[in-house]
PDB file of N, CA and C in Angstrom:
ATOM      1  N   MET A   1      13.855 -19.871  19.866  1.00  0.00           N
ATOM      2  CA  MET A   1      13.021 -20.387  18.575  1.00  0.00           C
ATOM      3  C   MET A   1      13.965 -20.650  17.460  1.00  0.00           C
ATOM      4  N   PRO A   2      12.919 -21.242  17.365  1.00  0.00           N
ATOM      5  CA  PRO A   2      13.530 -22.693  16.016  1.00  0.00           C
ATOM      6  C   PRO A   2      14.120 -21.549  15.306  1.00  0.00           C
ATOM      7  N   LEU A   3      15.618 -21.614  14.411  1.00  0.00           N
ATOM      8  CA  LEU A   3      15.894 -20.395  13.186  1.00  0.00           C
ATOM      9  C   LEU A   3      14.594 -20.935  12.325  1.00  0.00           C
ATOM     10  N   ALA A   4      13.865 -21.678  12.405  1.00  0.00           N
ATOM     11  CA  ALA A   4      12.533 -21.972  10.782  1.00  0.00           C
ATOM     12  C   ALA A   4      11.841 -20.359  10.986  1.00  0.00           C
ATOM     13  N   MET A   5      11.630 -20.400  12.337  1.00  0.00           N
ATOM     14  CA  MET A   5      10.444 -19.597  12.114  1.00  0.00           C
ATOM     15  C   MET A   5      11.454 -17.561  12.035  1.00  0.00           C
ATOM     16  N   VAL A   6      12.443 -17.648  11.375  1.00  0.00           N
ATOM     17  CA  VAL A   6      13.040 -16.325  11.815  1.00  0.00           C
ATOM     18  C   VAL A   6      12.363 -15.807  10.141  1.00  0.00           C
ATOM     19  N   SER A   7      12.247 -15.113  10.240  1.00  0.00           N
ATOM     20  CA  SER A   7      11.420 -14.068   8.594  1.00  0.00           C
ATOM     21  C   SER A   7      13.437 -13.668   8.033  1.00  0.00           C
ATOM     22  N   ILE A   8      12.776 -13.594   6.889  1.00  0.00           N
ATOM     23  CA  ILE A   8      13.845 -12.500   6.368  1.00  0.00           C
ATOM     24  C   ILE A   8      14.631 -11.562   6.300  1.00  0.00           C
ATOM     25  N   GLY A   9      16.226 -11.442   6.237  1.00  0.00           N
ATOM     26  CA  GLY A   9      16.486 -10.201   6.623  1.00  0.00           C
ATOM     27  C   GLY A   9      16.401  -9.966   7.753  1.00  0.00           C
ATOM     28  N   GLU A  10      15.897 -11.105   8.897  1.00  0.00           N
ATOM     29  CA  GLU A  10      16.722 -11.152  10.296  1.00  0.00           C
ATOM     30  C   GLU A  10      18.158 -11.634  10.430  1.00  0.00           C
ATOM     31  N   LYS A  11      19.271 -10.966  11.271  1.00  0.00           N
ATOM     32  CA  LYS A  11      20.559 -11.591  11.480  1.00  0.00           C
ATOM     33  C   LYS A  11      19.574 -12.053  12.925  1.00  0.00           C
ATOM     34  N   ARG A  12      20.261 -13.143  13.603  1.00  0.00           N
ATOM     35  CA  ARG A  12      19.737 -13.844  15.061  1.00  0.00           C
ATOM     36  C   ARG A  12      21.411 -14.263  15.326  1.00  0.00           C
ATOM     37  N   LYS A  13      21.454 -15.081  16.245  1.00  0.00           N
ATOM     38  CA  LYS A  13      22.444 -15.230  17.077  1.00  0.00           C
ATOM     39  C   LYS A  13      22.297 -16.856  17.662  1.00  0.00           C
ATOM     40  N   ILE A  14      23.085 -17.991  17.320  1.00  0.00           N
ATOM     41  CA  ILE A  14      22.646 -19.282  17.109  1.00  0.00           C
ATOM     42  C   ILE A  14      23.012 -19.740  18.958  1.00  0.00           C
ATOM     43  N   LYS A  15      22.005 -20.358  19.763  1.00  0.00           N
ATOM     44  CA  LYS A  15      22.361 -20.239  21.323  1.00  0.00           C
ATOM     45  C   LYS A  15      22.757 -21.686  21.184  1.00  0.00           C
ATOM     46  N   SER A  16      22.326 -22.750  21.003  1.00  0.00           N
ATOM     47  CA  SER A  16      21.458 -24.190  21.186  1.00  0.00           C
ATOM     48  C   SER A  16      20.955 -25.228  19.621  1.00  0.00           C
ATOM     49  N   LEU A  17      21.832 -26.278  19.578  1.00  0.00           N
ATOM     50  CA  LEU A  17      21.008 -27.453  18.659  1.00  0.00           C
ATOM     51  C   LEU A  17      20.599 -28.205  19.334  1.00  0.00           C
ATOM     52  N   THR A  18      19.184 -29.198  18.345  1.00  0.00           N
ATOM     53  CA  THR A  18      18.667 -30.184  19.327  1.00  0.00           C
ATOM     54  C   THR A  18      18.749 -31.143  17.556  1.00  0.00           C
ATOM     55  N   GLY A  19      18.760 -32.275  18.664  1.00  0.00           N
ATOM     56  CA  GLY A  19      18.689 -33.697  17.605  1.00  0.00           C
ATOM     57  C   GLY A  19      19.959 -34.362  18.615  1.00  0.00           C
ATOM     58  N   THR A  20      19.636 -35.490  16.840  1.00  0.00           N
ATOM     59  CA  THR A  20      20.705 -36.263  17.295  1.00  0.00           C
ATOM     60  C   THR A  20      22.998 -36.123  17.768  1.00  0.00           C
ATOM     61  N   GLU A  21      23.713 -36.427  18.359  1.00  0.00           N
ATOM     62  CA  GLU A  21      24.971 -36.089  18.909  1.00  0.00           C
ATOM     63  C   GLU A  21      25.025 -35.517  16.545  1.00  0.00           C
ATOM     64  N   ASP A  22      24.869 -36.884  16.046  1.00  0.00           N
ATOM     65  CA  ASP A  22      24.985 -36.786  14.254  1.00  0.00           C
ATOM     66  C   ASP A  22      24.858 -36.143  14.133  1.00  0.00           C
ATOM     67  N   ILE A  23      23.892 -35.238  13.952  1.00  0.00           N
ATOM     68  CA  ILE A  23      22.097 -34.464  13.172  1.00  0.00           C
ATOM     69  C   ILE A  23      23.695 -32.552  13.856  1.00  0.00           C
ATOM     70  N   LYS A  24      23.730 -32.919  15.248  1.00  0.00           N
ATOM     71  CA  LYS A  24      24.388 -32.084  15.705  1.00  0.00           C
ATOM     72  C   LYS A  24      25.817 -31.883  15.469  1.00  0.00           C
ATOM     73  N   LYS A  25      26.607 -32.793  15.181  1.00  0.00           N
ATOM     74  CA  LYS A  25      27.866 -32.187  14.326  1.00  0.00           C
ATOM     75  C   LYS A  25      27.628 -32.010  13.290  1.00  0.00           C
ATOM     76  N   HIS A  26      26.750 -32.545  12.194  1.00  0.00           N
ATOM     77  CA  HIS A  26      26.401 -32.223  10.589  1.00  0.00           C
ATOM     78  C   HIS A  26      26.258 -30.813  11.195  1.00  0.00           C
ATOM     79  N   LEU A  27      26.154 -30.271  11.660  1.00  0.00           N
ATOM     80  CA  LEU A  27      25.523 -28.841  11.256  1.00  0.00           C
ATOM     81  C   LEU A  27      26.661 -27.816  11.388  1.00  0.00           C
ATOM     82  N   ILE A  28      27.120 -28.954  13.352  1.00  0.00           N
ATOM     83  CA  ILE A  28      28.767 -27.829  13.695  1.00  0.00           C
ATOM     84  C   ILE A  28      29.848 -27.595  12.512  1.00  0.00           C
ATOM     85  N   ASP A  29      29.791 -28.975  10.976  1.00  0.00           N
ATOM     86  CA  ASP A  29      30.542 -28.802  10.482  1.00  0.00           C
ATOM     87  C   ASP A  29      30.298 -27.493   9.631  1.00  0.00           C
ATOM     88  N   LEU A  30      29.028 -26.894   9.249  1.00  0.00           N
ATOM     89  CA  LEU A  30      28.335 -26.522   8.735  1.00  0.00           C
ATOM     90  C   LEU A  30      28.319 -25.207   8.977  1.00  0.00           C
ATOM     91  N   GLY A  31      29.119 -24.962  10.957  1.00  0.00           N
ATOM     92  CA  GLY A  31      29.017 -23.184  10.791  1.00  0.00           C
ATOM     93  C   GLY A  31      28.074 -23.422  11.438  1.00  0.00           C
ATOM     94  N   PHE A  32      27.294 -23.761  12.182  1.00  0.00           N
ATOM     95  CA  PHE A  32      25.797 -23.305  12.949  1.00  0.00           C
ATOM     96  C   PHE A  32      26.421 -24.215  14.697  1.00  0.00           C
ATOM     97  N   VAL A  33      27.309 -23.200  15.095  1.00  0.00           N
ATOM     98  CA  VAL A  33      27.531 -22.809  16.464  1.00  0.00           C
ATOM     99  C   VAL A  33      27.181 -21.818  17.659  1.00  0.00           C
ATOM    100  N   SER A  34      26.773 -22.209  18.773  1.00  0.00           N
ATOM    101  CA  SER A  34      26.530 -21.439  19.381  1.00  0.00           C
ATOM    102  C   SER A  34      27.415 -20.405  19.463  1.00  0.00           C
ATOM    103  N   GLY A  35      26.417 -19.323  19.581  1.00  0.00           N
ATOM    104  CA  GLY A  35      27.371 -17.484  19.737  1.00  0.00           C
ATOM    105  C   GLY A  35      27.124 -17.181  17.650  1.00  0.00           C
ATOM    106  N   GLN A  36      26.701 -18.130  17.049  1.00  0.00           N
ATOM    107  CA  GLN A  36      27.583 -17.335  15.578  1.00  0.00           C
ATOM    108  C   GLN A  36      25.994 -16.943  15.115  1.00  0.00           C
ATOM    109  N   ASP A  37      26.527 -14.984  14.108  1.00  0.00           N
ATOM    110  CA  ASP A  37      25.482 -15.110  13.710  1.00  0.00           C
ATOM    111  C   ASP A  37      24.657 -15.342  12.189  1.00  0.00           C
ATOM    112  N   VAL A  38      23.597 -15.685  12.105  1.00  0.00           N
ATOM    113  CA  VAL A  38      23.104 -16.515  11.223  1.00  0.00           C
ATOM    114  C   VAL A  38      22.338 -15.138  10.498  1.00  0.00           C
ATOM    115  N   LEU A  39      22.215 -14.417   8.877  1.00  0.00           N
ATOM    116  CA  LEU A  39      21.339 -13.907   8.968  1.00  0.00           C
ATOM    117  C   LEU A  39      20.100 -15.068   7.546  1.00  0.00           C
ATOM    118  N   VAL A  40      19.210 -14.429   7.777  1.00  0.00           N
ATOM    119  CA  VAL A  40      18.511 -15.117   6.932  1.00  0.00           C
ATOM    120  C   VAL A  40      17.568 -14.424   5.389  1.00  0.00           C
ATOM    121  N   LEU A  41      18.650 -15.032   4.017  1.00  0.00           N
ATOM    122  CA  LEU A  41      18.632 -14.387   3.560  1.00  0.00           C
ATOM    123  C   LEU A  41      17.207 -14.613   2.153  1.00  0.00           C
ATOM    124  N   GLY A  42      16.797 -16.069   2.795  1.00  0.00           N
ATOM    125  CA  GLY A  42      15.628 -16.504   1.570  1.00  0.00           C
ATOM    126  C   GLY A  42      15.131 -17.884   2.569  1.00  0.00           C
ATOM    127  N   ASP A  43      13.619 -17.797   2.243  1.00  0.00           N
ATOM    128  CA  ASP A  43      12.980 -18.807   2.433  1.00  0.00           C
ATOM    129  C   ASP A  43      11.884 -19.679   2.016  1.00  0.00           C
ATOM    130  N   SER A  44      11.442 -20.857   2.217  1.00  0.00           N
ATOM    131  CA  SER A  44       9.847 -20.438   1.212  1.00  0.00           C
ATOM    132  C   SER A  44      10.155 -22.598   2.452  1.00  0.00           C
ATOM    133  N   ALA A  45       8.992 -23.177   1.419  1.00  0.00           N
ATOM    134  CA  ALA A  45       8.211 -24.299   1.879  1.00  0.00           C
ATOM    135  C   ALA A  45       9.679 -25.443   1.982  1.00  0.00           C
ATOM    136  N   ALA A  46      10.045 -25.754   1.539  1.00  0.00           N
ATOM    137  CA  ALA A  46      11.684 -26.291   1.005  1.00  0.00           C
ATOM    138  C   ALA A  46      13.014 -26.215   2.027  1.00  0.00           C
ATOM    139  N   GLY A  47      12.971 -24.697   2.148  1.00  0.00           N
ATOM    140  CA  GLY A  47      14.134 -25.218   3.040  1.00  0.00           C
ATOM    141  C   GLY A  47      14.805 -22.874   3.268  1.00  0.00           C
ATOM    142  N   MET A  48      15.741 -23.107   3.525  1.00  0.00           N
ATOM    143  CA  MET A  48      16.343 -21.449   3.613  1.00  0.00           C
ATOM    144  C   MET A  48      17.505 -21.334   3.044  1.00  0.00           C
ATOM    145  N   ILE A  49      17.552 -20.373   2.863  1.00  0.00           N
ATOM    146  CA  ILE A  49      18.725 -19.834   2.374  1.00  0.00           C
ATOM    147  C   ILE A  49      19.574 -18.985   3.575  1.00  0.00           C
ATOM    148  N   LEU A  50      20.701 -19.505   4.486  1.00  0.00           N
ATOM    149  CA  LEU A  50      21.389 -18.597   5.624  1.00  0.00           C
ATOM    150  C   LEU A  50      22.648 -18.939   4.696  1.00  0.00           C
ATOM    151  N   LEU A  51      23.243 -16.902   5.839  1.00  0.00           N
ATOM    152  CA  LEU A  51      24.137 -16.164   5.734  1.00  0.00           C
ATOM    153  C   LEU A  51      25.007 -16.756   7.266  1.00  0.00           C
ATOM    154  N   VAL A  52      26.379 -17.536   7.042  1.00  0.00           N
ATOM    155  CA  VAL A  52      26.788 -17.772   8.409  1.00  0.00           C
ATOM    156  C   VAL A  52      28.235 -17.930   8.170  1.00  0.00           C
ATOM    157  N   LYS A  53      28.764 -16.838   8.637  1.00  0.00           N
ATOM    158  CA  LYS A  53      30.123 -16.829   8.521  1.00  0.00           C
ATOM    159  C   LYS A  53      30.519 -16.366   7.475  1.00  0.00           C
ATOM    160  N   GLY A  54      30.572 -15.651   7.002  1.00  0.00           N
ATOM    161  CA  GLY A  54      30.134 -15.205   5.424  1.00  0.00           C
ATOM    162  C   GLY A  54      29.778 -15.968   3.882  1.00  0.00           C
ATOM    163  N   THR A  55      29.460 -17.150   4.708  1.00  0.00           N
ATOM    164  CA  THR A  55      28.768 -18.682   3.935  1.00  0.00           C
ATOM    165  C   THR A  55      27.947 -18.448   3.181  1.00  0.00           C
ATOM    166  N   LYS A  56      27.401 -18.440   2.017  1.00  0.00           N
ATOM    167  CA  LYS A  56      25.390 -19.117   1.992  1.00  0.00           C
ATOM    168  C   LYS A  56      25.029 -20.566   2.293  1.00  0.00           C
ATOM    169  N   LEU A  57      24.454 -20.607   2.755  1.00  0.00           N
ATOM    170  CA  LEU A  57      23.789 -22.092   3.324  1.00  0.00           C
ATOM    171  C   LEU A  57      22.227 -22.154   2.542  1.00  0.00           C
ATOM    172  N   ALA A  58      22.142 -23.534   1.848  1.00  0.00           N
ATOM    173  CA  ALA A  58      20.716 -23.508   1.329  1.00  0.00           C
ATOM    174  C   ALA A  58      20.204 -25.074   3.168  1.00  0.00           C
ATOM    175  N   LEU A  59      19.200 -25.112   3.452  1.00  0.00           N
ATOM    176  CA  LEU A  59      19.412 -25.687   4.800  1.00  0.00           C
ATOM    177  C   LEU A  59      17.796 -26.386   4.120  1.00  0.00           C
ATOM    178  N   ASN A  60      17.798 -27.691   4.727  1.00  0.00           N
ATOM    179  CA  ASN A  60      15.742 -28.131   4.877  1.00  0.00           C
ATOM    180  C   ASN A  60      15.112 -27.591   6.239  1.00  0.00           C
ATOM    181  N   ARG A  61      14.113 -27.165   5.686  1.00  0.00           N
ATOM    182  CA  ARG A  61      13.237 -26.556   8.006  1.00  0.00           C
ATOM    183  C   ARG A  61      13.540 -27.394   8.136  1.00  0.00           C
ATOM    184  N   GLY A  62      13.314 -29.079   8.845  1.00  0.00           N
ATOM    185  CA  GLY A  62      13.927 -29.881   8.780  1.00  0.00           C
ATOM    186  C   GLY A  62      15.118 -29.433  10.329  1.00  0.00           C
ATOM    187  N   LEU A  63      16.116 -29.455   9.433  1.00  0.00           N
ATOM    188  CA  LEU A  63      17.006 -28.941   9.845  1.00  0.00           C
ATOM    189  C   LEU A  63      17.346 -27.499  10.606  1.00  0.00           C
ATOM    190  N   ALA A  64      16.291 -26.554   9.859  1.00  0.00           N
ATOM    191  CA  ALA A  64      16.506 -25.024  10.314  1.00  0.00           C
ATOM    192  C   ALA A  64      15.544 -25.042  11.926  1.00  0.00           C
ATOM    193  N   GLN A  65      14.523 -26.303  12.346  1.00  0.00           N
ATOM    194  CA  GLN A  65      13.622 -26.536  13.727  1.00  0.00           C
ATOM    195  C   GLN A  65      14.482 -27.048  14.568  1.00  0.00           C
ATOM    196  N   LYS A  66      15.964 -27.416  14.530  1.00  0.00           N
ATOM    197  CA  LYS A  66      16.915 -27.832  15.015  1.00  0.00           C
ATOM    198  C   LYS A  66      17.834 -26.906  15.303  1.00  0.00           C
ATOM    199  N   ILE A  67      17.729 -25.598  15.111  1.00  0.00           N
ATOM    200  CA  ILE A  67      18.847 -24.744  15.413  1.00  0.00           C
ATOM    201  C   ILE A  67      18.115 -23.387  16.052  1.00  0.00           C
ATOM    202  N   LEU A  68      18.385 -22.937  17.252  1.00  0.00           N
ATOM    203  CA  LEU A  68      17.712 -22.659  18.536  1.00  0.00           C
ATOM    204  C   LEU A  68      18.897 -20.643  18.241  1.00  0.00           C
ATOM    205  N   VAL A  69      17.497 -20.198  18.230  1.00  0.00           N
ATOM    206  CA  VAL A  69      18.934 -18.597  17.879  1.00  0.00           C
ATOM    207  C   VAL A  69      17.105 -17.754  18.923  1.00  0.00           C
ATOM    208  N   ALA A  70      17.873 -16.374  19.808  1.00  0.00           N
ATOM    209  CA  ALA A  70      18.035 -15.747  20.015  1.00  0.00           C
ATOM    210  C   ALA A  70      17.299 -14.578  19.524  1.00  0.00           C
TER     211      ALA A  70
END
């Protein structure tokens, strides 16, 4: 399931990334790697607030769609 579909307060584990190699590299650089836990802190039409590796990040919905979680 794409990260963009996860509700506020839910913690999920990253399974894989989709998109171009540039997009995947950008997401990896931000800490979105396979096996990493991600917690959804906030959600809006524009994007999401996430907690990854102890860091709060804002991510637009287009990029959140490219992160697949379980």
